[in-house]
């Protein structure tokens, strides 16, 4: 049985189509920034940026260093729909 991952948005539940996470570190703090391609009811595509600490997703400011952006671009090579939505 395959479980489809969904996520709540202001426009209702949406299916997670693709997801890329970039592990980051600042001193002793470890976290990850995540970019998700979501599909809402009716086929509308949404892009969500978030970060996680200890596995719990959080919304709020997401900060990426230049080297993290390079790692994100590299990871997006495996996720063409998400890369296309971001025009990267």
Protein backbone atom coordinates (compact mmCIF):
# COMPACT_ATOMS: atom_id res chain seq x y z
CA UNK A 1 0.00 0.00 0.00
CA UNK A 2 1.43 3.39 -1.02
CA UNK A 3 0.53 6.33 1.17
CA UNK A 4 0.30 9.69 -0.55
CA UNK A 5 1.75 12.46 1.57
CA UNK A 6 -0.53 15.46 1.95
CA UNK A 7 -0.09 18.81 3.58
CA UNK A 8 -2.39 21.53 4.87
CA UNK A 9 -2.31 24.88 3.06
CA UNK A 10 -4.44 28.02 3.31
CA UNK A 11 -6.24 26.71 0.19
CA UNK A 12 -7.00 23.30 1.69
CA UNK A 13 -5.15 19.98 1.64
CA UNK A 14 -2.63 19.43 -1.12
CA UNK A 15 -0.66 16.42 -2.28
CA UNK A 16 3.14 16.56 -2.01
CA UNK A 17 4.38 15.93 -5.57
CA UNK A 18 8.10 16.44 -4.96
CA UNK A 19 10.24 17.48 -2.02
CA UNK A 20 13.88 18.47 -1.61
CA UNK A 21 15.60 18.99 1.75
CA UNK A 22 19.00 20.55 2.31
CA UNK A 23 20.69 19.70 5.62
CA UNK A 24 22.30 22.73 7.25
CA UNK A 25 24.36 23.53 10.30
CA UNK A 26 25.14 26.72 12.21
CA UNK A 27 27.58 25.99 15.00
CA UNK A 28 26.01 23.19 17.04
CA UNK A 29 22.54 23.76 15.55
CA UNK A 30 21.40 21.25 12.95
CA UNK A 31 18.34 21.81 10.79
CA UNK A 32 17.15 21.41 7.21
CA UNK A 33 15.48 23.70 4.71
CA UNK A 34 12.81 22.06 2.58
CA UNK A 35 11.15 23.02 -0.70
CA UNK A 36 7.96 21.19 -1.67
CA UNK A 37 5.95 21.12 -4.86
CA UNK A 38 2.31 20.67 -3.84
CA UNK A 39 -0.77 20.02 -5.94
CA UNK A 40 -4.07 21.35 -4.66
CA UNK A 41 -7.54 20.16 -5.56
CA UNK A 42 -8.19 21.08 -9.17
CA UNK A 43 -4.53 20.69 -10.14
CA UNK A 44 -3.16 24.06 -9.01
CA UNK A 45 0.54 23.83 -8.18
CA UNK A 46 1.97 25.47 -5.06
CA UNK A 47 5.57 25.79 -3.83
CA UNK A 48 6.24 25.81 -0.09
CA UNK A 49 9.49 26.68 1.68
CA UNK A 50 9.98 25.55 5.27
CA UNK A 51 12.65 24.41 7.67
CA UNK A 52 12.77 21.60 10.17
CA UNK A 53 14.44 21.04 13.50
CA UNK A 54 14.42 17.61 15.06
CA UNK A 55 12.17 16.33 12.27
CA UNK A 56 9.36 18.82 12.98
CA UNK A 57 8.51 21.05 10.00
CA UNK A 58 8.25 24.74 10.77
CA UNK A 59 7.18 27.62 8.67
CA UNK A 60 8.78 30.97 8.96
CA UNK A 61 11.86 32.58 7.60
CA UNK A 62 14.02 30.18 5.63
CA UNK A 63 17.62 31.25 5.22
CA UNK A 64 19.98 29.62 2.76
CA UNK A 65 23.67 30.45 2.38
CA UNK A 66 25.11 30.63 -1.13
CA UNK A 67 26.66 27.16 -0.72
CA UNK A 68 23.28 25.80 0.45
CA UNK A 69 21.66 27.20 -2.70
CA UNK A 70 24.22 25.32 -4.79
CA UNK A 71 23.30 22.11 -2.95
CA UNK A 72 19.61 22.87 -3.52
CA UNK A 73 20.22 23.37 -7.25
CA UNK A 74 22.09 20.06 -7.39
CA UNK A 75 19.29 18.24 -5.54
CA UNK A 76 16.69 19.74 -7.90
CA UNK A 77 18.34 17.90 -10.80
CA UNK A 78 16.54 14.82 -9.46
CA UNK A 79 13.21 16.69 -9.17
CA UNK A 80 12.41 18.23 -12.57
CA UNK A 81 8.83 19.28 -11.78
CA UNK A 82 9.92 21.22 -8.72
CA UNK A 83 12.88 22.75 -10.60
CA UNK A 84 10.50 23.80 -13.38
CA UNK A 85 8.07 25.41 -10.90
CA UNK A 86 11.00 27.40 -9.48
CA UNK A 87 12.34 28.11 -12.99
CA UNK A 88 15.79 26.86 -11.94
